[in-house]
Amino acid sequence: MRTKITLCGEVAGTIWMPTEECTKAFHLELIRIPRDSKTRTYPGIAPHSIEITCLRDALLHLTNDGDFQSCAISWARLEVSHYFESEIRGSGTTMTHTRVWELRGKAPDSDCFTEEPNSSSNRS
């Protein structure tokens, strides 16, 4: 079985030059590397390969990107897909099980997300 994790969305905020609101789309694909592997880096992330061990690592990687370092994630979606060979359908057939979550800025990851419009009005 192979597992692929995809994180896509948009970073938005004021960049340093020309000091105006900007947005930048992101699409990050990760493939699970077994713990006993000799290589623990993800080669698909340019320009550097990094090891991501949790969701927070990925969010910090996305929000610490060049001109967009002072920006935050305005929306994001996490998709986890499991691919495995089907013994029932014959060799060469791959079955996929995928789950998708819309990410919100809650708990310890709230600093990586923009504030939701209604969240300030709900505070006491």
PDB file of N, CA and C in Angstrom:
ATOM      1  N   MET A   1       0.853  -1.181   0.000  1.00  0.00           N
ATOM      2  CA  MET A   1       0.000   0.000   0.000  1.00  0.00           C
ATOM      3  C   MET A   1       0.895   1.240   0.000  1.00  0.00           C
ATOM      4  N   ARG A   2       0.485   2.223  -0.758  1.00  0.00           N
ATOM      5  CA  ARG A   2       1.195   3.497  -0.857  1.00  0.00           C
ATOM      6  C   ARG A   2       0.252   4.590  -0.376  1.00  0.00           C
ATOM      7  N   THR A   3       0.783   5.555   0.346  1.00  0.00           N
ATOM      8  CA  THR A   3      -0.025   6.664   0.851  1.00  0.00           C
ATOM      9  C   THR A   3       0.499   7.974   0.283  1.00  0.00           C
ATOM     10  N   LYS A   4      -0.425   8.805  -0.217  1.00  0.00           N
ATOM     11  CA  LYS A   4      -0.050  10.129  -0.722  1.00  0.00           C
ATOM     12  C   LYS A   4      -0.890  11.171   0.015  1.00  0.00           C
ATOM     13  N   ILE A   5      -0.229  12.229   0.455  1.00  0.00           N
ATOM     14  CA  ILE A   5      -0.904  13.319   1.150  1.00  0.00           C
ATOM     15  C   ILE A   5      -0.747  14.571   0.295  1.00  0.00           C
ATOM     16  N   THR A   6      -1.876  15.217   0.007  1.00  0.00           N
ATOM     17  CA  THR A   6      -1.861  16.437  -0.796  1.00  0.00           C
ATOM     18  C   THR A   6      -2.452  17.569   0.032  1.00  0.00           C
ATOM     19  N   LEU A   7      -1.745  18.668   0.067  1.00  0.00           N
ATOM     20  CA  LEU A   7      -2.194  19.855   0.781  1.00  0.00           C
ATOM     21  C   LEU A   7      -2.238  20.977  -0.245  1.00  0.00           C
ATOM     22  N   CYS A   8      -3.426  21.536  -0.497  1.00  0.00           N
ATOM     23  CA  CYS A   8      -3.530  22.627  -1.460  1.00  0.00           C
ATOM     24  C   CYS A   8      -4.373  23.744  -0.864  1.00  0.00           C
ATOM     25  N   GLY A   9      -4.194  24.929  -1.397  1.00  0.00           N
ATOM     26  CA  GLY A   9      -4.936  26.080  -0.886  1.00  0.00           C
ATOM     27  C   GLY A   9      -4.326  27.379  -1.353  1.00  0.00           C
ATOM     28  N   GLU A  10      -4.464  28.402  -0.504  1.00  0.00           N
ATOM     29  CA  GLU A  10      -3.997  29.732  -0.883  1.00  0.00           C
ATOM     30  C   GLU A  10      -3.475  30.478   0.343  1.00  0.00           C
ATOM     31  N   VAL A  11      -2.356  31.158   0.149  1.00  0.00           N
ATOM     32  CA  VAL A  11      -1.771  32.033   1.160  1.00  0.00           C
ATOM     33  C   VAL A  11      -2.116  33.452   0.741  1.00  0.00           C
ATOM     34  N   ALA A  12      -2.549  34.280   1.704  1.00  0.00           N
ATOM     35  CA  ALA A  12      -2.930  35.661   1.386  1.00  0.00           C
ATOM     36  C   ALA A  12      -2.430  36.608   2.466  1.00  0.00           C
ATOM     37  N   GLY A  13      -2.167  37.839   2.052  1.00  0.00           N
ATOM     38  CA  GLY A  13      -1.759  38.866   3.006  1.00  0.00           C
ATOM     39  C   GLY A  13      -0.981  39.964   2.321  1.00  0.00           C
ATOM     40  N   THR A  14      -0.480  40.888   3.114  1.00  0.00           N
ATOM     41  CA  THR A  14       0.289  42.021   2.598  1.00  0.00           C
ATOM     42  C   THR A  14       1.752  41.628   2.506  1.00  0.00           C
ATOM     43  N   ILE A  15       2.323  41.739   1.310  1.00  0.00           N
ATOM     44  CA  ILE A  15       3.750  41.442   1.153  1.00  0.00           C
ATOM     45  C   ILE A  15       4.533  42.743   1.274  1.00  0.00           C
ATOM     46  N   TRP A  16       5.827  42.628   1.477  1.00  0.00           N
ATOM     47  CA  TRP A  16       6.660  43.802   1.763  1.00  0.00           C
ATOM     48  C   TRP A  16       6.758  44.770   0.596  1.00  0.00           C
ATOM     49  N   MET A  17       6.689  44.281  -0.616  1.00  0.00           N
ATOM     50  CA  MET A  17       6.811  45.172  -1.765  1.00  0.00           C
ATOM     51  C   MET A  17       5.882  44.673  -2.849  1.00  0.00           C
ATOM     52  N   PRO A  18       4.951  45.343  -3.304  1.00  0.00           N
ATOM     53  CA  PRO A  18       4.663  46.774  -3.197  1.00  0.00           C
ATOM     54  C   PRO A  18       3.683  47.111  -2.073  1.00  0.00           C
ATOM     55  N   THR A  19       3.769  46.466  -0.961  1.00  0.00           N
ATOM     56  CA  THR A  19       2.902  46.646   0.207  1.00  0.00           C
ATOM     57  C   THR A  19       1.417  46.676  -0.144  1.00  0.00           C
ATOM     58  N   GLU A  20       0.977  45.612  -0.746  1.00  0.00           N
ATOM     59  CA  GLU A  20      -0.441  45.466  -1.041  1.00  0.00           C
ATOM     60  C   GLU A  20      -0.851  44.013  -0.832  1.00  0.00           C
ATOM     61  N   GLU A  21      -2.160  43.801  -0.745  1.00  0.00           N
ATOM     62  CA  GLU A  21      -2.713  42.463  -0.528  1.00  0.00           C
ATOM     63  C   GLU A  21      -2.426  41.582  -1.748  1.00  0.00           C
ATOM     64  N   CYS A  22      -1.817  40.429  -1.500  1.00  0.00           N
ATOM     65  CA  CYS A  22      -1.487  39.498  -2.565  1.00  0.00           C
ATOM     66  C   CYS A  22      -1.911  38.092  -2.161  1.00  0.00           C
ATOM     67  N   THR A  23      -2.083  37.234  -3.131  1.00  0.00           N
ATOM     68  CA  THR A  23      -2.399  35.833  -2.862  1.00  0.00           C
ATOM     69  C   THR A  23      -1.460  34.953  -3.661  1.00  0.00           C
ATOM     70  N   LYS A  24      -1.272  33.736  -3.156  1.00  0.00           N
ATOM     71  CA  LYS A  24      -0.414  32.776  -3.830  1.00  0.00           C
ATOM     72  C   LYS A  24      -0.990  31.386  -3.585  1.00  0.00           C
ATOM     73  N   ALA A  25      -1.259  30.664  -4.657  1.00  0.00           N
ATOM     74  CA  ALA A  25      -1.779  29.299  -4.539  1.00  0.00           C
ATOM     75  C   ALA A  25      -0.629  28.353  -4.193  1.00  0.00           C
ATOM     76  N   PHE A  26      -0.942  27.295  -3.455  1.00  0.00           N
ATOM     77  CA  PHE A  26       0.052  26.264  -3.174  1.00  0.00           C
ATOM     78  C   PHE A  26      -0.558  24.885  -3.402  1.00  0.00           C
ATOM     79  N   HIS A  27       0.307  23.961  -3.749  1.00  0.00           N
ATOM     80  CA  HIS A  27      -0.079  22.566  -3.963  1.00  0.00           C
ATOM     81  C   HIS A  27       1.124  21.726  -3.549  1.00  0.00           C
ATOM     82  N   LEU A  28       1.015  21.063  -2.418  1.00  0.00           N
ATOM     83  CA  LEU A  28       2.121  20.311  -1.842  1.00  0.00           C
ATOM     84  C   LEU A  28       1.742  18.837  -1.814  1.00  0.00           C
ATOM     85  N   GLU A  29       2.514  17.999  -2.496  1.00  0.00           N
ATOM     86  CA  GLU A  29       2.256  16.559  -2.505  1.00  0.00           C
ATOM     87  C   GLU A  29       3.356  15.848  -1.743  1.00  0.00           C
ATOM     88  N   LEU A  30       2.952  15.018  -0.814  1.00  0.00           N
ATOM     89  CA  LEU A  30       3.904  14.259  -0.005  1.00  0.00           C
ATOM     90  C   LEU A  30       3.606  12.775  -0.162  1.00  0.00           C
ATOM     91  N   ILE A  31       4.638  11.983  -0.178  1.00  0.00           N
ATOM     92  CA  ILE A  31       4.483  10.534  -0.213  1.00  0.00           C
ATOM     93  C   ILE A  31       5.107   9.992   1.061  1.00  0.00           C
ATOM     94  N   ARG A  32       4.369   9.135   1.751  1.00  0.00           N
ATOM     95  CA  ARG A  32       4.859   8.587   3.009  1.00  0.00           C
ATOM     96  C   ARG A  32       6.093   7.730   2.752  1.00  0.00           C
ATOM     97  N   ILE A  33       7.134   8.012   3.504  1.00  0.00           N
ATOM     98  CA  ILE A  33       8.368   7.252   3.414  1.00  0.00           C
ATOM     99  C   ILE A  33       8.449   6.380   4.664  1.00  0.00           C
ATOM    100  N   PRO A  34       8.654   5.080   4.506  1.00  0.00           N
ATOM    101  CA  PRO A  34       8.716   4.193   5.677  1.00  0.00           C
ATOM    102  C   PRO A  34       9.783   4.634   6.676  1.00  0.00           C
ATOM    103  N   ARG A  35       9.516   4.425   7.953  1.00  0.00           N
ATOM    104  CA  ARG A  35      10.449   4.849   9.008  1.00  0.00           C
ATOM    105  C   ARG A  35      11.823   4.196   8.884  1.00  0.00           C
ATOM    106  N   ASP A  36      11.894   2.992   8.352  1.00  0.00           N
ATOM    107  CA  ASP A  36      13.183   2.307   8.247  1.00  0.00           C
ATOM    108  C   ASP A  36      13.943   2.666   6.965  1.00  0.00           C
ATOM    109  N   SER A  37      13.438   3.608   6.200  1.00  0.00           N
ATOM    110  CA  SER A  37      14.093   4.029   4.965  1.00  0.00           C
ATOM    111  C   SER A  37      15.383   4.783   5.272  1.00  0.00           C
ATOM    112  N   LYS A  38      16.373   4.631   4.411  1.00  0.00           N
ATOM    113  CA  LYS A  38      17.652   5.355   4.568  1.00  0.00           C
ATOM    114  C   LYS A  38      17.489   6.832   4.216  1.00  0.00           C
ATOM    115  N   THR A  39      16.552   7.148   3.332  1.00  0.00           N
ATOM    116  CA  THR A  39      16.304   8.520   2.908  1.00  0.00           C
ATOM    117  C   THR A  39      14.989   8.973   3.503  1.00  0.00           C
ATOM    118  N   ARG A  40      14.984  10.039   4.302  1.00  0.00           N
ATOM    119  CA  ARG A  40      13.772  10.507   4.962  1.00  0.00           C
ATOM    120  C   ARG A  40      13.353  11.889   4.475  1.00  0.00           C
ATOM    121  N   THR A  41      13.836  12.331   3.319  1.00  0.00           N
ATOM    122  CA  THR A  41      13.455  13.648   2.812  1.00  0.00           C
ATOM    123  C   THR A  41      12.477  13.511   1.662  1.00  0.00           C
ATOM    124  N   TYR A  42      11.745  14.569   1.392  1.00  0.00           N
ATOM    125  CA  TYR A  42      10.753  14.596   0.324  1.00  0.00           C
ATOM    126  C   TYR A  42      11.317  15.377  -0.842  1.00  0.00           C
ATOM    127  N   PRO A  43      11.697  14.697  -1.928  1.00  0.00           N
ATOM    128  CA  PRO A  43      12.365  15.377  -3.037  1.00  0.00           C
ATOM    129  C   PRO A  43      11.466  16.294  -3.856  1.00  0.00           C
ATOM    130  N   GLY A  44      10.152  16.232  -3.708  1.00  0.00           N
ATOM    131  CA  GLY A  44       9.258  17.028  -4.530  1.00  0.00           C
ATOM    132  C   GLY A  44       9.115  18.472  -4.091  1.00  0.00           C
ATOM    133  N   ILE A  45       9.712  18.869  -2.993  1.00  0.00           N
ATOM    134  CA  ILE A  45       9.563  20.225  -2.478  1.00  0.00           C
ATOM    135  C   ILE A  45      10.785  21.040  -2.891  1.00  0.00           C
ATOM    136  N   ALA A  46      10.584  21.991  -3.764  1.00  0.00           N
ATOM    137  CA  ALA A  46      11.698  22.798  -4.251  1.00  0.00           C
ATOM    138  C   ALA A  46      11.796  24.066  -3.410  1.00  0.00           C
ATOM    139  N   PRO A  47      12.938  24.657  -3.237  1.00  0.00           N
ATOM    140  CA  PRO A  47      14.223  24.210  -3.741  1.00  0.00           C
ATOM    141  C   PRO A  47      14.935  23.238  -2.803  1.00  0.00           C
ATOM    142  N   HIS A  48      14.433  23.033  -1.599  1.00  0.00           N
ATOM    143  CA  HIS A  48      15.096  22.148  -0.650  1.00  0.00           C
ATOM    144  C   HIS A  48      14.224  20.950  -0.321  1.00  0.00           C
ATOM    145  N   SER A  49      14.854  19.826  -0.105  1.00  0.00           N
ATOM    146  CA  SER A  49      14.122  18.668   0.388  1.00  0.00           C
ATOM    147  C   SER A  49      14.035  18.802   1.900  1.00  0.00           C
ATOM    148  N   ILE A  50      12.870  18.492   2.449  1.00  0.00           N
ATOM    149  CA  ILE A  50      12.684  18.606   3.892  1.00  0.00           C
ATOM    150  C   ILE A  50      11.949  17.386   4.402  1.00  0.00           C
ATOM    151  N   GLU A  51      12.042  17.172   5.688  1.00  0.00           N
ATOM    152  CA  GLU A  51      11.290  16.099   6.322  1.00  0.00           C
ATOM    153  C   GLU A  51      10.094  16.716   7.034  1.00  0.00           C
ATOM    154  N   ILE A  52       8.918  16.263   6.691  1.00  0.00           N
ATOM    155  CA  ILE A  52       7.696  16.735   7.331  1.00  0.00           C
ATOM    156  C   ILE A  52       7.142  15.584   8.146  1.00  0.00           C
ATOM    157  N   THR A  53       7.051  15.789   9.457  1.00  0.00           N
ATOM    158  CA  THR A  53       6.594  14.707  10.328  1.00  0.00           C
ATOM    159  C   THR A  53       5.177  14.917  10.844  1.00  0.00           C
ATOM    160  N   CYS A  54       4.639  16.139  10.655  1.00  0.00           N
ATOM    161  CA  CYS A  54       3.285  16.410  11.128  1.00  0.00           C
ATOM    162  C   CYS A  54       2.677  17.548  10.291  1.00  0.00           C
ATOM    163  N   LEU A  55       1.397  17.769  10.468  1.00  0.00           N
ATOM    164  CA  LEU A  55       0.704  18.817   9.721  1.00  0.00           C
ATOM    165  C   LEU A  55       1.323  20.190   9.990  1.00  0.00           C
ATOM    166  N   ARG A  56       1.699  20.460  11.221  1.00  0.00           N
ATOM    167  CA  ARG A  56       2.288  21.763  11.572  1.00  0.00           C
ATOM    168  C   ARG A  56       3.554  22.037  10.754  1.00  0.00           C
ATOM    169  N   ASP A  57       4.400  21.021  10.555  1.00  0.00           N
ATOM    170  CA  ASP A  57       5.612  21.201   9.736  1.00  0.00           C
ATOM    171  C   ASP A  57       5.253  21.672   8.332  1.00  0.00           C
ATOM    172  N   ALA A  58       4.232  21.068   7.740  1.00  0.00           N
ATOM    173  CA  ALA A  58       3.811  21.447   6.390  1.00  0.00           C
ATOM    174  C   ALA A  58       3.255  22.873   6.375  1.00  0.00           C
ATOM    175  N   LEU A  59       2.435  23.235   7.369  1.00  0.00           N
ATOM    176  CA  LEU A  59       1.857  24.584   7.425  1.00  0.00           C
ATOM    177  C   LEU A  59       2.947  25.642   7.589  1.00  0.00           C
ATOM    178  N   LEU A  60       3.941  25.375   8.426  1.00  0.00           N
ATOM    179  CA  LEU A  60       5.034  26.329   8.617  1.00  0.00           C
ATOM    180  C   LEU A  60       5.882  26.448   7.353  1.00  0.00           C
ATOM    181  N   HIS A  61       6.068  25.353   6.651  1.00  0.00           N
ATOM    182  CA  HIS A  61       6.799  25.398   5.376  1.00  0.00           C
ATOM    183  C   HIS A  61       6.073  26.308   4.379  1.00  0.00           C
ATOM    184  N   LEU A  62       4.747  26.226   4.341  1.00  0.00           N
ATOM    185  CA  LEU A  62       3.959  27.021   3.399  1.00  0.00           C
ATOM    186  C   LEU A  62       3.909  28.496   3.774  1.00  0.00           C
ATOM    187  N   THR A  63       3.881  28.810   5.065  1.00  0.00           N
ATOM    188  CA  THR A  63       3.761  30.206   5.493  1.00  0.00           C
ATOM    189  C   THR A  63       5.107  30.902   5.674  1.00  0.00           C
ATOM    190  N   ASN A  64       6.209  30.194   5.554  1.00  0.00           N
ATOM    191  CA  ASN A  64       7.545  30.793   5.654  1.00  0.00           C
ATOM    192  C   ASN A  64       8.205  30.815   4.284  1.00  0.00           C
ATOM    193  N   ASP A  65       7.512  31.367   3.309  1.00  0.00           N
ATOM    194  CA  ASP A  65       7.953  31.302   1.925  1.00  0.00           C
ATOM    195  C   ASP A  65       8.225  32.685   1.356  1.00  0.00           C
ATOM    196  N   GLY A  66       9.479  33.087   1.330  1.00  0.00           N
ATOM    197  CA  GLY A  66       9.908  34.313   0.664  1.00  0.00           C
ATOM    198  C   GLY A  66       9.108  35.553   1.009  1.00  0.00           C
ATOM    199  N   ASP A  67       8.561  36.232  -0.005  1.00  0.00           N
ATOM    200  CA  ASP A  67       7.808  37.468   0.187  1.00  0.00           C
ATOM    201  C   ASP A  67       6.530  37.247   0.989  1.00  0.00           C
ATOM    202  N   PHE A  68       6.069  36.014   1.084  1.00  0.00           N
ATOM    203  CA  PHE A  68       4.800  35.716   1.749  1.00  0.00           C
ATOM    204  C   PHE A  68       4.978  35.310   3.215  1.00  0.00           C
ATOM    205  N   GLN A  69       6.123  35.611   3.821  1.00  0.00           N
ATOM    206  CA  GLN A  69       6.379  35.227   5.210  1.00  0.00           C
ATOM    207  C   GLN A  69       5.446  35.895   6.203  1.00  0.00           C
ATOM    208  N   SER A  70       4.937  37.053   5.892  1.00  0.00           N
ATOM    209  CA  SER A  70       4.027  37.740   6.817  1.00  0.00           C
ATOM    210  C   SER A  70       2.563  37.431   6.504  1.00  0.00           C
ATOM    211  N   CYS A  71       2.314  36.510   5.594  1.00  0.00           N
ATOM    212  CA  CYS A  71       0.951  36.162   5.183  1.00  0.00           C
ATOM    213  C   CYS A  71       0.475  34.911   5.909  1.00  0.00           C
ATOM    214  N   ALA A  72      -0.788  34.578   5.697  1.00  0.00           N
ATOM    215  CA  ALA A  72      -1.371  33.411   6.347  1.00  0.00           C
ATOM    216  C   ALA A  72      -2.221  32.642   5.327  1.00  0.00           C
ATOM    217  N   ILE A  73      -2.568  31.424   5.682  1.00  0.00           N
ATOM    218  CA  ILE A  73      -3.369  30.576   4.798  1.00  0.00           C
ATOM    219  C   ILE A  73      -4.823  31.024   4.872  1.00  0.00           C
ATOM    220  N   SER A  74      -5.390  31.374   3.719  1.00  0.00           N
ATOM    221  CA  SER A  74      -6.790  31.823   3.704  1.00  0.00           C
ATOM    222  C   SER A  74      -7.745  30.641   3.567  1.00  0.00           C
ATOM    223  N   TRP A  75      -7.326  29.596   2.872  1.00  0.00           N
ATOM    224  CA  TRP A  75      -8.097  28.355   2.815  1.00  0.00           C
ATOM    225  C   TRP A  75      -7.147  27.220   2.453  1.00  0.00           C
ATOM    226  N   ALA A  76      -7.485  26.023   2.916  1.00  0.00           N
ATOM    227  CA  ALA A  76      -6.647  24.862   2.627  1.00  0.00           C
ATOM    228  C   ALA A  76      -7.479  23.587   2.677  1.00  0.00           C
ATOM    229  N   ARG A  77      -7.044  22.622   1.891  1.00  0.00           N
ATOM    230  CA  ARG A  77      -7.697  21.322   1.857  1.00  0.00           C
ATOM    231  C   ARG A  77      -6.622  20.245   1.972  1.00  0.00           C
ATOM    232  N   LEU A  78      -6.869  19.268   2.825  1.00  0.00           N
ATOM    233  CA  LEU A  78      -5.970  18.147   3.021  1.00  0.00           C
ATOM    234  C   LEU A  78      -6.623  16.899   2.438  1.00  0.00           C
ATOM    235  N   GLU A  79      -5.897  16.200   1.580  1.00  0.00           N
ATOM    236  CA  GLU A  79      -6.411  14.989   0.941  1.00  0.00           C
ATOM    237  C   GLU A  79      -5.421  13.848   1.201  1.00  0.00           C
ATOM    238  N   VAL A  80      -5.922  12.750   1.752  1.00  0.00           N
ATOM    239  CA  VAL A  80      -5.088  11.581   2.027  1.00  0.00           C
ATOM    240  C   VAL A  80      -5.610  10.426   1.182  1.00  0.00           C
ATOM    241  N   SER A  81      -4.749   9.877   0.339  1.00  0.00           N
ATOM    242  CA  SER A  81      -5.126   8.773  -0.544  1.00  0.00           C
ATOM    243  C   SER A  81      -4.282   7.547  -0.238  1.00  0.00           C
ATOM    244  N   HIS A  82      -4.944   6.402  -0.137  1.00  0.00           N
ATOM    245  CA  HIS A  82      -4.275   5.122   0.051  1.00  0.00           C
ATOM    246  C   HIS A  82      -4.468   4.322  -1.233  1.00  0.00           C
ATOM    247  N   TYR A  83      -3.377   3.872  -1.823  1.00  0.00           N
ATOM    248  CA  TYR A  83      -3.419   3.083  -3.053  1.00  0.00           C
ATOM    249  C   TYR A  83      -2.960   1.672  -2.717  1.00  0.00           C
ATOM    250  N   PHE A  84      -3.722   0.680  -3.147  1.00  0.00           N
ATOM    251  CA  PHE A  84      -3.306  -0.697  -2.917  1.00  0.00           C
ATOM    252  C   PHE A  84      -3.819  -1.592  -4.032  1.00  0.00           C
ATOM    253  N   GLU A  85      -3.070  -2.669  -4.257  1.00  0.00           N
ATOM    254  CA  GLU A  85      -3.425  -3.644  -5.291  1.00  0.00           C
ATOM    255  C   GLU A  85      -4.659  -4.412  -4.847  1.00  0.00           C
ATOM    256  N   SER A  86      -5.557  -4.630  -5.761  1.00  0.00           N
ATOM    257  CA  SER A  86      -6.774  -5.380  -5.474  1.00  0.00           C
ATOM    258  C   SER A  86      -6.589  -6.837  -5.863  1.00  0.00           C
ATOM    259  N   GLU A  87      -6.691  -7.723  -4.881  1.00  0.00           N
ATOM    260  CA  GLU A  87      -6.591  -9.154  -5.171  1.00  0.00           C
ATOM    261  C   GLU A  87      -7.876  -9.661  -5.803  1.00  0.00           C
ATOM    262  N   ILE A  88      -8.987  -9.023  -5.499  1.00  0.00           N
ATOM    263  CA  ILE A  88     -10.286  -9.449  -6.010  1.00  0.00           C
ATOM    264  C   ILE A  88     -10.397  -9.171  -7.505  1.00  0.00           C
ATOM    265  N   ARG A  89      -9.970  -8.009  -7.933  1.00  0.00           N
ATOM    266  CA  ARG A  89     -10.153  -7.586  -9.328  1.00  0.00           C
ATOM    267  C   ARG A  89      -9.035  -8.030 -10.258  1.00  0.00           C
ATOM    268  N   GLY A  90      -8.037  -8.702  -9.745  1.00  0.00           N
ATOM    269  CA  GLY A  90      -6.953  -9.169 -10.600  1.00  0.00           C
ATOM    270  C   GLY A  90      -5.696  -8.331 -10.432  1.00  0.00           C
ATOM    271  N   SER A  91      -4.604  -8.854 -10.927  1.00  0.00           N
ATOM    272  CA  SER A  91      -3.325  -8.155 -10.772  1.00  0.00           C
ATOM    273  C   SER A  91      -3.292  -6.906 -11.646  1.00  0.00           C
ATOM    274  N   GLY A  92      -2.540  -5.932 -11.191  1.00  0.00           N
ATOM    275  CA  GLY A  92      -2.416  -4.697 -11.941  1.00  0.00           C
ATOM    276  C   GLY A  92      -3.513  -3.684 -11.671  1.00  0.00           C
ATOM    277  N   THR A  93      -4.556  -4.078 -10.989  1.00  0.00           N
ATOM    278  CA  THR A  93      -5.640  -3.155 -10.679  1.00  0.00           C
ATOM    279  C   THR A  93      -5.336  -2.493  -9.332  1.00  0.00           C
ATOM    280  N   THR A  94      -5.411  -1.193  -9.304  1.00  0.00           N
ATOM    281  CA  THR A  94      -5.159  -0.462  -8.079  1.00  0.00           C
ATOM    282  C   THR A  94      -6.463   0.128  -7.560  1.00  0.00           C
ATOM    283  N   MET A  95      -6.720  -0.089  -6.288  1.00  0.00           N
ATOM    284  CA  MET A  95      -7.885   0.524  -5.652  1.00  0.00           C
ATOM    285  C   MET A  95      -7.393   1.719  -4.843  1.00  0.00           C
ATOM    286  N   THR A  96      -8.222   2.737  -4.758  1.00  0.00           N
ATOM    287  CA  THR A  96      -7.862   3.946  -4.035  1.00  0.00           C
ATOM    288  C   THR A  96      -8.932   4.272  -3.011  1.00  0.00           C
ATOM    289  N   HIS A  97      -8.486   4.623  -1.820  1.00  0.00           N
ATOM    290  CA  HIS A  97      -9.394   5.115  -0.783  1.00  0.00           C
ATOM    291  C   HIS A  97      -8.902   6.511  -0.416  1.00  0.00           C
ATOM    292  N   THR A  98      -9.739   7.525  -0.632  1.00  0.00           N
ATOM    293  CA  THR A  98      -9.341   8.920  -0.413  1.00  0.00           C
ATOM    294  C   THR A  98     -10.293   9.603   0.559  1.00  0.00           C
ATOM    295  N   ARG A  99      -9.710  10.380   1.470  1.00  0.00           N
ATOM    296  CA  ARG A  99     -10.502  11.218   2.385  1.00  0.00           C
ATOM    297  C   ARG A  99     -10.018  12.654   2.248  1.00  0.00           C
ATOM    298  N   VAL A 100     -10.960  13.598   2.345  1.00  0.00           N
ATOM    299  CA  VAL A 100     -10.645  15.012   2.162  1.00  0.00           C
ATOM    300  C   VAL A 100     -11.177  15.802   3.361  1.00  0.00           C
ATOM    301  N   TRP A 101     -10.354  16.734   3.859  1.00  0.00           N
ATOM    302  CA  TRP A 101     -10.749  17.613   4.961  1.00  0.00           C
ATOM    303  C   TRP A 101     -10.482  19.060   4.567  1.00  0.00           C
ATOM    304  N   GLU A 102     -11.427  19.939   4.888  1.00  0.00           N
ATOM    305  CA  GLU A 102     -11.207  21.377   4.770  1.00  0.00           C
ATOM    306  C   GLU A 102     -10.538  21.810   6.074  1.00  0.00           C
ATOM    307  N   LEU A 103      -9.384  22.455   5.968  1.00  0.00           N
ATOM    308  CA  LEU A 103      -8.643  22.841   7.169  1.00  0.00           C
ATOM    309  C   LEU A 103      -9.094  24.206   7.658  1.00  0.00           C
ATOM    310  N   ARG A 104      -9.162  24.345   8.952  1.00  0.00           N
ATOM    311  CA  ARG A 104      -9.518  25.599   9.612  1.00  0.00           C
ATOM    312  C   ARG A 104      -8.402  25.943  10.593  1.00  0.00           C
ATOM    313  N   GLY A 105      -8.258  27.212  10.881  1.00  0.00           N
ATOM    314  CA  GLY A 105      -7.232  27.643  11.822  1.00  0.00           C
ATOM    315  C   GLY A 105      -7.681  27.467  13.257  1.00  0.00           C
ATOM    316  N   LYS A 106      -7.525  26.280  13.789  1.00  0.00           N
ATOM    317  CA  LYS A 106      -7.941  26.001  15.157  1.00  0.00           C
ATOM    318  C   LYS A 106      -6.760  25.495  15.970  1.00  0.00           C
ATOM    319  N   ALA A 107      -6.895  25.616  17.284  1.00  0.00           N
ATOM    320  CA  ALA A 107      -5.925  25.092  18.254  1.00  0.00           C
ATOM    321  C   ALA A 107      -4.504  25.584  17.955  1.00  0.00           C
ATOM    322  N   PRO A 108      -3.501  24.705  18.003  1.00  0.00           N
ATOM    323  CA  PRO A 108      -2.128  25.199  17.872  1.00  0.00           C
ATOM    324  C   PRO A 108      -1.763  25.700  16.475  1.00  0.00           C
ATOM    325  N   ASP A 109      -2.574  25.388  15.467  1.00  0.00           N
ATOM    326  CA  ASP A 109      -2.251  25.819  14.101  1.00  0.00           C
ATOM    327  C   ASP A 109      -2.938  27.118  13.696  1.00  0.00           C
ATOM    328  N   SER A 110      -3.647  27.758  14.606  1.00  0.00           N
ATOM    329  CA  SER A 110      -4.420  28.957  14.271  1.00  0.00           C
ATOM    330  C   SER A 110      -3.536  30.106  13.786  1.00  0.00           C
ATOM    331  N   ASP A 111      -2.288  30.159  14.230  1.00  0.00           N
ATOM    332  CA  ASP A 111      -1.400  31.239  13.803  1.00  0.00           C
ATOM    333  C   ASP A 111      -0.998  31.131  12.329  1.00  0.00           C
ATOM    334  N   CYS A 112      -1.228  30.000  11.696  1.00  0.00           N
ATOM    335  CA  CYS A 112      -0.893  29.820  10.281  1.00  0.00           C
ATOM    336  C   CYS A 112      -2.037  30.220   9.356  1.00  0.00           C
ATOM    337  N   PHE A 113      -3.219  30.482   9.905  1.00  0.00           N
ATOM    338  CA  PHE A 113      -4.410  30.776   9.112  1.00  0.00           C
ATOM    339  C   PHE A 113      -4.873  32.206   9.337  1.00  0.00           C
ATOM    340  N   THR A 114      -5.566  32.763   8.314  1.00  0.00           N
ATOM    341  CA  THR A 114      -6.187  34.067   8.491  1.00  0.00           C
ATOM    342  C   THR A 114      -7.359  33.910   9.439  1.00  0.00           C
ATOM    343  N   GLU A 115      -7.720  34.953  10.108  1.00  0.00           N
ATOM    344  CA  GLU A 115      -8.840  34.902  11.034  1.00  0.00           C
ATOM    345  C   GLU A 115     -10.140  34.811  10.248  1.00  0.00           C
ATOM    346  N   GLU A 116     -11.008  33.909  10.669  1.00  0.00           N
ATOM    347  CA  GLU A 116     -12.301  33.769  10.005  1.00  0.00           C
ATOM    348  C   GLU A 116     -13.135  35.013  10.287  1.00  0.00           C
ATOM    349  N   PRO A 117     -13.928  35.485   9.303  1.00  0.00           N
ATOM    350  CA  PRO A 117     -14.681  36.731   9.458  1.00  0.00           C
ATOM    351  C   PRO A 117     -15.599  36.762  10.679  1.00  0.00           C
ATOM    352  N   ASN A 118     -16.241  35.649  11.037  1.00  0.00           N
ATOM    353  CA  ASN A 118     -17.172  35.640  12.154  1.00  0.00           C
ATOM    354  C   ASN A 118     -16.534  35.340  13.493  1.00  0.00           C
ATOM    355  N   SER A 119     -15.244  34.975  13.501  1.00  0.00           N
ATOM    356  CA  SER A 119     -14.623  34.561  14.760  1.00  0.00           C
ATOM    357  C   SER A 119     -14.460  35.712  15.739  1.00  0.00           C
ATOM    358  N   SER A 120     -14.210  36.945  15.272  1.00  0.00           N
ATOM    359  CA  SER A 120     -14.063  38.066  16.193  1.00  0.00           C
ATOM    360  C   SER A 120     -15.398  38.494  16.790  1.00  0.00           C
ATOM    361  N   SER A 121     -16.493  38.306  16.049  1.00  0.00           N
ATOM    362  CA  SER A 121     -17.789  38.698  16.574  1.00  0.00           C
ATOM    363  C   SER A 121     -18.346  37.674  17.562  1.00  0.00           C
ATOM    364  N   ASN A 122     -17.781  36.460  17.585  1.00  0.00           N
ATOM    365  CA  ASN A 122     -18.242  35.434  18.499  1.00  0.00           C
ATOM    366  C   ASN A 122     -17.536  35.484  19.840  1.00  0.00           C
ATOM    367  N   ARG A 123     -16.526  36.321  19.961  1.00  0.00           N
ATOM    368  CA  ARG A 123     -15.771  36.405  21.218  1.00  0.00           C
ATOM    369  C   ARG A 123     -16.539  37.258  22.219  1.00  0.00           C
ATOM    370  N   SER A 124     -16.391  36.895  23.485  1.00  0.00           N
ATOM    371  CA  SER A 124     -17.066  37.657  24.547  1.00  0.00           C
ATOM    372  C   SER A 124     -16.146  38.706  25.111  1.00  0.00           C
TER     373      SER A 124
END
